PDB file of N, CA and C in Angstrom:
ATOM      1  N   MET A   1      -5.142  -6.711  25.631  1.00  0.00           N
ATOM      2  CA  MET A   1      -5.181  -5.359  25.148  1.00  0.00           C
ATOM      3  C   MET A   1      -5.716  -4.398  26.194  1.00  0.00           C
ATOM      4  N   GLY A   2      -6.316  -4.936  27.203  1.00  0.00           N
ATOM      5  CA  GLY A   2      -6.792  -4.082  28.268  1.00  0.00           C
ATOM      6  C   GLY A   2      -7.836  -3.088  27.792  1.00  0.00           C
ATOM      7  N   GLY A   3      -7.705  -1.842  28.241  1.00  0.00           N
ATOM      8  CA  GLY A   3      -8.668  -0.811  27.919  1.00  0.00           C
ATOM      9  C   GLY A   3      -8.468  -0.185  26.553  1.00  0.00           C
ATOM     10  N   TYR A   4      -7.586  -0.750  25.759  1.00  0.00           N
ATOM     11  CA  TYR A   4      -7.267  -0.161  24.459  1.00  0.00           C
ATOM     12  C   TYR A   4      -8.013  -0.817  23.302  1.00  0.00           C
ATOM     13  N   ASP A   5      -8.838  -1.796  23.598  1.00  0.00           N
ATOM     14  CA  ASP A   5      -9.530  -2.542  22.546  1.00  0.00           C
ATOM     15  C   ASP A   5     -10.276  -1.649  21.560  1.00  0.00           C
ATOM     16  N   ALA A   6     -11.059  -0.706  22.091  1.00  0.00           N
ATOM     17  CA  ALA A   6     -11.884   0.148  21.222  1.00  0.00           C
ATOM     18  C   ALA A   6     -11.006   1.006  20.316  1.00  0.00           C
ATOM     19  N   MET A   7      -9.920   1.554  20.854  1.00  0.00           N
ATOM     20  CA  MET A   7      -9.043   2.397  20.051  1.00  0.00           C
ATOM     21  C   MET A   7      -8.370   1.589  18.945  1.00  0.00           C
ATOM     22  N   ILE A   8      -7.842   0.432  19.291  1.00  0.00           N
ATOM     23  CA  ILE A   8      -7.159  -0.407  18.306  1.00  0.00           C
ATOM     24  C   ILE A   8      -8.137  -0.852  17.223  1.00  0.00           C
ATOM     25  N   ARG A   9      -9.331  -1.250  17.628  1.00  0.00           N
ATOM     26  CA  ARG A   9     -10.348  -1.666  16.664  1.00  0.00           C
ATOM     27  C   ARG A   9     -10.739  -0.501  15.751  1.00  0.00           C
ATOM     28  N   ALA A  10     -10.891   0.707  16.318  1.00  0.00           N
ATOM     29  CA  ALA A  10     -11.272   1.876  15.516  1.00  0.00           C
ATOM     30  C   ALA A  10     -10.200   2.216  14.485  1.00  0.00           C
ATOM     31  N   VAL A  11      -8.931   2.127  14.871  1.00  0.00           N
ATOM     32  CA  VAL A  11      -7.853   2.418  13.915  1.00  0.00           C
ATOM     33  C   VAL A  11      -7.816   1.348  12.830  1.00  0.00           C
ATOM     34  N   ALA A  12      -7.880   0.072  13.226  1.00  0.00           N
ATOM     35  CA  ALA A  12      -7.855  -1.015  12.246  1.00  0.00           C
ATOM     36  C   ALA A  12      -9.032  -0.899  11.281  1.00  0.00           C
ATOM     37  N   GLU A  13     -10.228  -0.661  11.813  1.00  0.00           N
ATOM     38  CA  GLU A  13     -11.405  -0.517  10.951  1.00  0.00           C
ATOM     39  C   GLU A  13     -11.302   0.735  10.090  1.00  0.00           C
ATOM     40  N   GLY A  14     -10.691   1.791  10.620  1.00  0.00           N
ATOM     41  CA  GLY A  14     -10.511   3.011   9.840  1.00  0.00           C
ATOM     42  C   GLY A  14      -9.688   2.775   8.595  1.00  0.00           C
ATOM     43  N   PHE A  15      -8.581   2.030   8.737  1.00  0.00           N
ATOM     44  CA  PHE A  15      -7.766   1.707   7.567  1.00  0.00           C
ATOM     45  C   PHE A  15      -8.549   0.822   6.609  1.00  0.00           C
ATOM     46  N   THR A  16      -9.250  -0.166   7.135  1.00  0.00           N
ATOM     47  CA  THR A  16     -10.001  -1.087   6.288  1.00  0.00           C
ATOM     48  C   THR A  16     -11.144  -0.377   5.560  1.00  0.00           C
ATOM     49  N   GLU A  17     -11.821   0.535   6.257  1.00  0.00           N
ATOM     50  CA  GLU A  17     -12.989   1.211   5.687  1.00  0.00           C
ATOM     51  C   GLU A  17     -12.658   2.570   5.071  1.00  0.00           C
ATOM     52  N   HIS A  18     -11.385   2.945   5.050  1.00  0.00           N
ATOM     53  CA  HIS A  18     -10.935   4.237   4.510  1.00  0.00           C
ATOM     54  C   HIS A  18     -11.562   5.413   5.252  1.00  0.00           C
ATOM     55  N   ASP A  19     -11.717   5.296   6.576  1.00  0.00           N
ATOM     56  CA  ASP A  19     -12.320   6.362   7.376  1.00  0.00           C
ATOM     57  C   ASP A  19     -11.739   6.324   8.786  1.00  0.00           C
ATOM     58  N   LEU A  20     -10.854   7.257   9.086  1.00  0.00           N
ATOM     59  CA  LEU A  20     -10.173   7.282  10.375  1.00  0.00           C
ATOM     60  C   LEU A  20     -10.899   8.150  11.408  1.00  0.00           C
ATOM     61  N   SER A  21     -12.034   8.724  11.058  1.00  0.00           N
ATOM     62  CA  SER A  21     -12.699   9.691  11.935  1.00  0.00           C
ATOM     63  C   SER A  21     -13.110   9.102  13.286  1.00  0.00           C
ATOM     64  N   ARG A  22     -13.558   7.852  13.351  1.00  0.00           N
ATOM     65  CA  ARG A  22     -13.947   7.258  14.638  1.00  0.00           C
ATOM     66  C   ARG A  22     -12.762   7.119  15.571  1.00  0.00           C
ATOM     67  N   ALA A  23     -11.584   6.865  15.002  1.00  0.00           N
ATOM     68  CA  ALA A  23     -10.391   6.688  15.822  1.00  0.00           C
ATOM     69  C   ALA A  23      -9.909   8.005  16.412  1.00  0.00           C
ATOM     70  N   ARG A  24     -10.238   9.118  15.783  1.00  0.00           N
ATOM     71  CA  ARG A  24      -9.744  10.431  16.235  1.00  0.00           C
ATOM     72  C   ARG A  24     -10.098  10.702  17.680  1.00  0.00           C
ATOM     73  N   ALA A  25     -11.315  10.437  18.073  1.00  0.00           N
ATOM     74  CA  ALA A  25     -11.757  10.708  19.437  1.00  0.00           C
ATOM     75  C   ALA A  25     -10.997   9.881  20.469  1.00  0.00           C
ATOM     76  N   LEU A  26     -10.390   8.795  20.034  1.00  0.00           N
ATOM     77  CA  LEU A  26      -9.678   7.898  20.946  1.00  0.00           C
ATOM     78  C   LEU A  26      -8.174   8.134  20.974  1.00  0.00           C
ATOM     79  N   MET A  27      -7.685   9.028  20.113  1.00  0.00           N
ATOM     80  CA  MET A  27      -6.248   9.294  20.037  1.00  0.00           C
ATOM     81  C   MET A  27      -5.879  10.511  20.871  1.00  0.00           C
ATOM     82  N   HIS A  28      -4.793  10.410  21.608  1.00  0.00           N
ATOM     83  CA  HIS A  28      -4.250  11.543  22.344  1.00  0.00           C
ATOM     84  C   HIS A  28      -3.645  12.526  21.348  1.00  0.00           C
ATOM     85  N   ASP A  29      -3.599  13.798  21.709  1.00  0.00           N
ATOM     86  CA  ASP A  29      -3.055  14.812  20.802  1.00  0.00           C
ATOM     87  C   ASP A  29      -1.618  14.537  20.391  1.00  0.00           C
ATOM     88  N   ASP A  30      -0.845  13.871  21.260  1.00  0.00           N
ATOM     89  CA  ASP A  30       0.552  13.594  20.920  1.00  0.00           C
ATOM     90  C   ASP A  30       0.774  12.138  20.490  1.00  0.00           C
ATOM     91  N   VAL A  31      -0.251  11.551  19.881  1.00  0.00           N
ATOM     92  CA  VAL A  31      -0.162  10.179  19.390  1.00  0.00           C
ATOM     93  C   VAL A  31       1.015  10.040  18.416  1.00  0.00           C
ATOM     94  N   VAL A  32       1.677   8.880  18.443  1.00  0.00           N
ATOM     95  CA  VAL A  32       2.811   8.620  17.553  1.00  0.00           C
ATOM     96  C   VAL A  32       2.599   7.289  16.852  1.00  0.00           C
ATOM     97  N   PHE A  33       2.736   7.294  15.526  1.00  0.00           N
ATOM     98  CA  PHE A  33       2.780   6.059  14.738  1.00  0.00           C
ATOM     99  C   PHE A  33       4.217   5.917  14.267  1.00  0.00           C
ATOM    100  N   ASP A  34       4.860   4.836  14.648  1.00  0.00           N
ATOM    101  CA  ASP A  34       6.238   4.578  14.225  1.00  0.00           C
ATOM    102  C   ASP A  34       6.197   3.548  13.108  1.00  0.00           C
ATOM    103  N   TRP A  35       6.399   4.011  11.897  1.00  0.00           N
ATOM    104  CA  TRP A  35       6.404   3.144  10.721  1.00  0.00           C
ATOM    105  C   TRP A  35       7.813   3.037  10.152  1.00  0.00           C
ATOM    106  N   THR A  36       8.823   3.131  11.001  1.00  0.00           N
ATOM    107  CA  THR A  36      10.202   3.087  10.514  1.00  0.00           C
ATOM    108  C   THR A  36      10.563   1.735   9.925  1.00  0.00           C
ATOM    109  N   ARG A  37       9.832   0.707  10.273  1.00  0.00           N
ATOM    110  CA  ARG A  37      10.114  -0.626   9.722  1.00  0.00           C
ATOM    111  C   ARG A  37       9.204  -0.982   8.550  1.00  0.00           C
ATOM    112  N   SER A  38       8.412  -0.032   8.120  1.00  0.00           N
ATOM    113  CA  SER A  38       7.503  -0.279   7.007  1.00  0.00           C
ATOM    114  C   SER A  38       8.283  -0.521   5.721  1.00  0.00           C
ATOM    115  N   MET A  39       7.731  -1.361   4.871  1.00  0.00           N
ATOM    116  CA  MET A  39       8.326  -1.594   3.555  1.00  0.00           C
ATOM    117  C   MET A  39       7.768  -0.624   2.521  1.00  0.00           C
ATOM    118  N   SER A  40       6.861   0.238   2.925  1.00  0.00           N
ATOM    119  CA  SER A  40       6.230   1.167   1.994  1.00  0.00           C
ATOM    120  C   SER A  40       7.023   2.471   1.877  1.00  0.00           C
ATOM    121  N   ASP A  41       6.604   3.304   0.946  1.00  0.00           N
ATOM    122  CA  ASP A  41       7.195   4.631   0.797  1.00  0.00           C
ATOM    123  C   ASP A  41       6.841   5.535   1.971  1.00  0.00           C
ATOM    124  N   ASN A  42       5.931   5.113   2.817  1.00  0.00           N
ATOM    125  CA  ASN A  42       5.478   5.902   3.956  1.00  0.00           C
ATOM    126  C   ASN A  42       6.297   5.645   5.217  1.00  0.00           C
ATOM    127  N   ARG A  43       7.453   5.041   5.058  1.00  0.00           N
ATOM    128  CA  ARG A  43       8.318   4.733   6.198  1.00  0.00           C
ATOM    129  C   ARG A  43       8.648   6.016   6.960  1.00  0.00           C
ATOM    130  N   GLY A  44       8.583   5.961   8.290  1.00  0.00           N
ATOM    131  CA  GLY A  44       8.923   7.122   9.105  1.00  0.00           C
ATOM    132  C   GLY A  44       8.178   7.126  10.423  1.00  0.00           C
ATOM    133  N   VAL A  45       8.352   8.211  11.172  1.00  0.00           N
ATOM    134  CA  VAL A  45       7.665   8.402  12.449  1.00  0.00           C
ATOM    135  C   VAL A  45       6.693   9.561  12.268  1.00  0.00           C
ATOM    136  N   TYR A  46       5.452   9.351  12.659  1.00  0.00           N
ATOM    137  CA  TYR A  46       4.398  10.343  12.502  1.00  0.00           C
ATOM    138  C   TYR A  46       3.910  10.756  13.882  1.00  0.00           C
ATOM    139  N   ARG A  47       4.013  12.051  14.172  1.00  0.00           N
ATOM    140  CA  ARG A  47       3.671  12.584  15.494  1.00  0.00           C
ATOM    141  C   ARG A  47       2.475  13.526  15.392  1.00  0.00           C
ATOM    142  N   GLY A  48       1.468  13.257  16.202  1.00  0.00           N
ATOM    143  CA  GLY A  48       0.269  14.087  16.228  1.00  0.00           C
ATOM    144  C   GLY A  48      -0.764  13.624  15.211  1.00  0.00           C
ATOM    145  N   TYR A  49      -2.007  13.957  15.495  1.00  0.00           N
ATOM    146  CA  TYR A  49      -3.102  13.475  14.654  1.00  0.00           C
ATOM    147  C   TYR A  49      -3.007  13.985  13.226  1.00  0.00           C
ATOM    148  N   GLU A  50      -2.599  15.227  13.033  1.00  0.00           N
ATOM    149  CA  GLU A  50      -2.535  15.774  11.676  1.00  0.00           C
ATOM    150  C   GLU A  50      -1.550  14.981  10.814  1.00  0.00           C
ATOM    151  N   ALA A  51      -0.399  14.624  11.383  1.00  0.00           N
ATOM    152  CA  ALA A  51       0.589  13.834  10.644  1.00  0.00           C
ATOM    153  C   ALA A  51       0.053  12.438  10.348  1.00  0.00           C
ATOM    154  N   ILE A  52      -0.677  11.872  11.298  1.00  0.00           N
ATOM    155  CA  ILE A  52      -1.247  10.537  11.089  1.00  0.00           C
ATOM    156  C   ILE A  52      -2.361  10.592  10.057  1.00  0.00           C
ATOM    157  N   GLN A  53      -3.144  11.652  10.067  1.00  0.00           N
ATOM    158  CA  GLN A  53      -4.197  11.812   9.060  1.00  0.00           C
ATOM    159  C   GLN A  53      -3.589  11.906   7.662  1.00  0.00           C
ATOM    160  N   LYS A  54      -2.485  12.642   7.522  1.00  0.00           N
ATOM    161  CA  LYS A  54      -1.815  12.747   6.217  1.00  0.00           C
ATOM    162  C   LYS A  54      -1.268  11.387   5.794  1.00  0.00           C
ATOM    163  N   LEU A  55      -0.620  10.676   6.721  1.00  0.00           N
ATOM    164  CA  LEU A  55      -0.139   9.324   6.435  1.00  0.00           C
ATOM    165  C   LEU A  55      -1.296   8.455   5.956  1.00  0.00           C
ATOM    166  N   PHE A  56      -2.387   8.501   6.668  1.00  0.00           N
ATOM    167  CA  PHE A  56      -3.564   7.707   6.339  1.00  0.00           C
ATOM    168  C   PHE A  56      -4.057   8.032   4.932  1.00  0.00           C
ATOM    169  N   GLN A  57      -4.216   9.320   4.623  1.00  0.00           N
ATOM    170  CA  GLN A  57      -4.707   9.713   3.299  1.00  0.00           C
ATOM    171  C   GLN A  57      -3.739   9.276   2.196  1.00  0.00           C
ATOM    172  N   ASP A  58      -2.452   9.495   2.410  1.00  0.00           N
ATOM    173  CA  ASP A  58      -1.457   9.089   1.413  1.00  0.00           C
ATOM    174  C   ASP A  58      -1.465   7.586   1.215  1.00  0.00           C
ATOM    175  N   PHE A  59      -1.610   6.855   2.304  1.00  0.00           N
ATOM    176  CA  PHE A  59      -1.569   5.400   2.254  1.00  0.00           C
ATOM    177  C   PHE A  59      -2.779   4.828   1.523  1.00  0.00           C
ATOM    178  N   ILE A  60      -3.971   5.283   1.879  1.00  0.00           N
ATOM    179  CA  ILE A  60      -5.167   4.662   1.300  1.00  0.00           C
ATOM    180  C   ILE A  60      -5.446   5.114  -0.122  1.00  0.00           C
ATOM    181  N   GLU A  61      -4.886   6.256  -0.546  1.00  0.00           N
ATOM    182  CA  GLU A  61      -5.123   6.704  -1.921  1.00  0.00           C
ATOM    183  C   GLU A  61      -4.673   5.671  -2.949  1.00  0.00           C
ATOM    184  N   ALA A  62      -3.643   4.933  -2.628  1.00  0.00           N
ATOM    185  CA  ALA A  62      -3.075   3.979  -3.585  1.00  0.00           C
ATOM    186  C   ALA A  62      -3.829   2.652  -3.631  1.00  0.00           C
ATOM    187  N   TRP A  63      -4.675   2.389  -2.652  1.00  0.00           N
ATOM    188  CA  TRP A  63      -5.241   1.050  -2.534  1.00  0.00           C
ATOM    189  C   TRP A  63      -6.757   1.033  -2.703  1.00  0.00           C
ATOM    190  N   GLU A  64      -7.233   0.059  -3.427  1.00  0.00           N
ATOM    191  CA  GLU A  64      -8.667  -0.161  -3.578  1.00  0.00           C
ATOM    192  C   GLU A  64      -9.235  -0.782  -2.301  1.00  0.00           C
ATOM    193  N   HIS A  65      -8.555  -1.785  -1.792  1.00  0.00           N
ATOM    194  CA  HIS A  65      -8.988  -2.492  -0.582  1.00  0.00           C
ATOM    195  C   HIS A  65      -7.810  -2.575   0.371  1.00  0.00           C
ATOM    196  N   VAL A  66      -8.072  -2.285   1.645  1.00  0.00           N
ATOM    197  CA  VAL A  66      -7.072  -2.418   2.689  1.00  0.00           C
ATOM    198  C   VAL A  66      -7.710  -3.194   3.826  1.00  0.00           C
ATOM    199  N   ASN A  67      -7.028  -4.210   4.308  1.00  0.00           N
ATOM    200  CA  ASN A  67      -7.501  -4.968   5.460  1.00  0.00           C
ATOM    201  C   ASN A  67      -6.372  -4.980   6.481  1.00  0.00           C
ATOM    202  N   TRP A  68      -6.534  -4.227   7.545  1.00  0.00           N
ATOM    203  CA  TRP A  68      -5.529  -4.026   8.588  1.00  0.00           C
ATOM    204  C   TRP A  68      -5.863  -4.968   9.726  1.00  0.00           C
ATOM    205  N   GLN A  69      -5.137  -6.055   9.875  1.00  0.00           N
ATOM    206  CA  GLN A  69      -5.437  -7.072  10.879  1.00  0.00           C
ATOM    207  C   GLN A  69      -4.420  -7.006  12.015  1.00  0.00           C
ATOM    208  N   VAL A  70      -4.917  -6.767  13.234  1.00  0.00           N
ATOM    209  CA  VAL A  70      -4.063  -6.741  14.416  1.00  0.00           C
ATOM    210  C   VAL A  70      -3.778  -8.176  14.833  1.00  0.00           C
ATOM    211  N   VAL A  71      -2.492  -8.499  14.984  1.00  0.00           N
ATOM    212  CA  VAL A  71      -2.122  -9.862  15.365  1.00  0.00           C
ATOM    213  C   VAL A  71      -1.579  -9.949  16.787  1.00  0.00           C
ATOM    214  N   ASP A  72      -1.120  -8.817  17.344  1.00  0.00           N
ATOM    215  CA  ASP A  72      -0.613  -8.830  18.712  1.00  0.00           C
ATOM    216  C   ASP A  72      -0.541  -7.397  19.226  1.00  0.00           C
ATOM    217  N   VAL A  73      -0.765  -7.239  20.512  1.00  0.00           N
ATOM    218  CA  VAL A  73      -0.643  -5.940  21.164  1.00  0.00           C
ATOM    219  C   VAL A  73       0.146  -6.142  22.450  1.00  0.00           C
ATOM    220  N   GLU A  74       1.117  -5.272  22.649  1.00  0.00           N
ATOM    221  CA  GLU A  74       1.944  -5.361  23.848  1.00  0.00           C
ATOM    222  C   GLU A  74       2.060  -3.976  24.472  1.00  0.00           C
ATOM    223  N   GLU A  75       1.838  -3.890  25.774  1.00  0.00           N
ATOM    224  CA  GLU A  75       2.052  -2.632  26.479  1.00  0.00           C
ATOM    225  C   GLU A  75       3.548  -2.512  26.727  1.00  0.00           C
ATOM    226  N   VAL A  76       4.164  -1.456  26.219  1.00  0.00           N
ATOM    227  CA  VAL A  76       5.621  -1.301  26.322  1.00  0.00           C
ATOM    228  C   VAL A  76       6.007  -0.144  27.238  1.00  0.00           C
ATOM    229  N   GLY A  77       5.082   0.381  27.946  1.00  0.00           N
ATOM    230  CA  GLY A  77       5.339   1.464  28.882  1.00  0.00           C
ATOM    231  C   GLY A  77       4.037   2.128  29.238  1.00  0.00           C
ATOM    232  N   PRO A  78       4.114   3.083  30.152  1.00  0.00           N
ATOM    233  CA  PRO A  78       2.878   3.784  30.513  1.00  0.00           C
ATOM    234  C   PRO A  78       2.303   4.502  29.298  1.00  0.00           C
ATOM    235  N   ASP A  79       1.069   4.203  28.995  1.00  0.00           N
ATOM    236  CA  ASP A  79       0.364   4.831  27.870  1.00  0.00           C
ATOM    237  C   ASP A  79       1.031   4.578  26.531  1.00  0.00           C
ATOM    238  N   ARG A  80       1.741   3.454  26.385  1.00  0.00           N
ATOM    239  CA  ARG A  80       2.382   3.114  25.116  1.00  0.00           C
ATOM    240  C   ARG A  80       2.037   1.681  24.738  1.00  0.00           C
ATOM    241  N   LEU A  81       1.688   1.520  23.470  1.00  0.00           N
ATOM    242  CA  LEU A  81       1.366   0.199  22.948  1.00  0.00           C
ATOM    243  C   LEU A  81       2.228  -0.108  21.739  1.00  0.00           C
ATOM    244  N   LEU A  82       2.562  -1.346  21.595  1.00  0.00           N
ATOM    245  CA  LEU A  82       3.180  -1.841  20.374  1.00  0.00           C
ATOM    246  C   LEU A  82       2.126  -2.727  19.731  1.00  0.00           C
ATOM    247  N   VAL A  83       1.676  -2.336  18.546  1.00  0.00           N
ATOM    248  CA  VAL A  83       0.621  -3.071  17.857  1.00  0.00           C
ATOM    249  C   VAL A  83       1.235  -3.730  16.632  1.00  0.00           C
ATOM    250  N   ALA A  84       1.292  -5.048  16.659  1.00  0.00           N
ATOM    251  CA  ALA A  84       1.769  -5.799  15.493  1.00  0.00           C
ATOM    252  C   ALA A  84       0.559  -6.092  14.623  1.00  0.00           C
ATOM    253  N   ARG A  85       0.745  -5.879  13.327  1.00  0.00           N
ATOM    254  CA  ARG A  85      -0.381  -6.073  12.429  1.00  0.00           C
ATOM    255  C   ARG A  85       0.103  -6.612  11.092  1.00  0.00           C
ATOM    256  N   VAL A  86      -0.847  -7.165  10.390  1.00  0.00           N
ATOM    257  CA  VAL A  86      -0.640  -7.609   9.015  1.00  0.00           C
ATOM    258  C   VAL A  86      -1.598  -6.793   8.168  1.00  0.00           C
ATOM    259  N   THR A  87      -1.100  -6.263   7.079  1.00  0.00           N
ATOM    260  CA  THR A  87      -1.947  -5.471   6.194  1.00  0.00           C
ATOM    261  C   THR A  87      -2.048  -6.171   4.852  1.00  0.00           C
ATOM    262  N   LEU A  88      -3.263  -6.434   4.447  1.00  0.00           N
ATOM    263  CA  LEU A  88      -3.534  -7.011   3.141  1.00  0.00           C
ATOM    264  C   LEU A  88      -4.198  -5.935   2.309  1.00  0.00           C
ATOM    265  N   PHE A  89      -3.734  -5.762   1.079  1.00  0.00           N
ATOM    266  CA  PHE A  89      -4.301  -4.706   0.264  1.00  0.00           C
ATOM    267  C   PHE A  89      -4.265  -5.072  -1.206  1.00  0.00           C
ATOM    268  N   GLN A  90      -5.122  -4.370  -1.960  1.00  0.00           N
ATOM    269  CA  GLN A  90      -5.183  -4.561  -3.404  1.00  0.00           C
ATOM    270  C   GLN A  90      -5.018  -3.203  -4.070  1.00  0.00           C
ATOM    271  N   ASP A  91      -4.109  -3.144  -5.011  1.00  0.00           N
ATOM    272  CA  ASP A  91      -3.804  -1.929  -5.761  1.00  0.00           C
ATOM    273  C   ASP A  91      -5.022  -1.507  -6.582  1.00  0.00           C
ATOM    274  N   ARG A  92      -5.278  -0.211  -6.675  1.00  0.00           N
ATOM    275  CA  ARG A  92      -6.407   0.299  -7.471  1.00  0.00           C
ATOM    276  C   ARG A  92      -6.324  -0.149  -8.917  1.00  0.00           C
ATOM    277  N   ARG A  93      -5.131  -0.106  -9.502  1.00  0.00           N
ATOM    278  CA  ARG A  93      -4.985  -0.496 -10.915  1.00  0.00           C
ATOM    279  C   ARG A  93      -5.316  -1.971 -11.096  1.00  0.00           C
ATOM    280  N   ASP A  94      -4.884  -2.832 -10.155  1.00  0.00           N
ATOM    281  CA  ASP A  94      -5.205  -4.253 -10.246  1.00  0.00           C
ATOM    282  C   ASP A  94      -6.705  -4.473 -10.114  1.00  0.00           C
ATOM    283  N   ALA A  95      -7.343  -3.741  -9.198  1.00  0.00           N
ATOM    284  CA  ALA A  95      -8.786  -3.879  -9.018  1.00  0.00           C
ATOM    285  C   ALA A  95      -9.528  -3.426 -10.262  1.00  0.00           C
ATOM    286  N   GLU A  96      -9.076  -2.314 -10.862  1.00  0.00           N
ATOM    287  CA  GLU A  96      -9.718  -1.825 -12.087  1.00  0.00           C
ATOM    288  C   GLU A  96      -9.525  -2.807 -13.234  1.00  0.00           C
ATOM    289  N   ALA A  97      -8.342  -3.409 -13.333  1.00  0.00           N
ATOM    290  CA  ALA A  97      -8.078  -4.394 -14.381  1.00  0.00           C
ATOM    291  C   ALA A  97      -8.926  -5.639 -14.166  1.00  0.00           C
ATOM    292  N   ALA A  98      -9.036  -6.081 -12.901  1.00  0.00           N
ATOM    293  CA  ALA A  98      -9.840  -7.266 -12.601  1.00  0.00           C
ATOM    294  C   ALA A  98     -11.310  -6.998 -12.888  1.00  0.00           C
ATOM    295  N   LEU A  99     -11.778  -5.800 -12.568  1.00  0.00           N
ATOM    296  CA  LEU A  99     -13.169  -5.441 -12.829  1.00  0.00           C
ATOM    297  C   LEU A  99     -13.439  -5.431 -14.331  1.00  0.00           C
ATOM    298  N   ALA A 100     -12.493  -4.876 -15.096  1.00  0.00           N
ATOM    299  CA  ALA A 100     -12.640  -4.838 -16.551  1.00  0.00           C
ATOM    300  C   ALA A 100     -12.657  -6.248 -17.149  1.00  0.00           C
ATOM    301  N   ASP A 101     -11.919  -7.166 -16.519  1.00  0.00           N
ATOM    302  CA  ASP A 101     -11.871  -8.554 -16.989  1.00  0.00           C
ATOM    303  C   ASP A 101     -13.020  -9.382 -16.444  1.00  0.00           C
ATOM    304  N   GLY A 102     -13.843  -8.785 -15.566  1.00  0.00           N
ATOM    305  CA  GLY A 102     -14.975  -9.511 -14.994  1.00  0.00           C
ATOM    306  C   GLY A 102     -14.605 -10.373 -13.812  1.00  0.00           C
ATOM    307  N   ASP A 103     -13.417 -10.167 -13.214  1.00  0.00           N
ATOM    308  CA  ASP A 103     -12.997 -10.986 -12.080  1.00  0.00           C
ATOM    309  C   ASP A 103     -13.591 -10.515 -10.757  1.00  0.00           C
ATOM    310  N   LEU A 104     -14.017  -9.295 -10.674  1.00  0.00           N
ATOM    311  CA  LEU A 104     -14.610  -8.764  -9.440  1.00  0.00           C
ATOM    312  C   LEU A 104     -16.058  -8.411  -9.695  1.00  0.00           C
ATOM    313  N   ASP A 105     -16.866  -8.592  -8.680  1.00  0.00           N
ATOM    314  CA  ASP A 105     -18.270  -8.188  -8.773  1.00  0.00           C
ATOM    315  C   ASP A 105     -18.455  -6.848  -8.134  1.00  0.00           C
TER     316      ASP A 105
END
């Protein structure tokens, strides 16, 4: 991952902790998230921090728990990374139902 470790970790932790603010300082103004292969309703290309912040807010609103795990990073050009990740998440309604049933502490 080279010199990108801190940025990748900050973004991954931001999704997991529902707080992207630490990652902001590490993102270039013209940052791009390409989610065109996403299976979610958030499929698309997001350009600039404001668009990524909106994506982030829309994405995490639906989930009680999000765990964004980076599985591979590849440099695909100057100042460009391809970050492969696995996202594990739990729906808010499922978490509320499990809590009501006593399945979660």
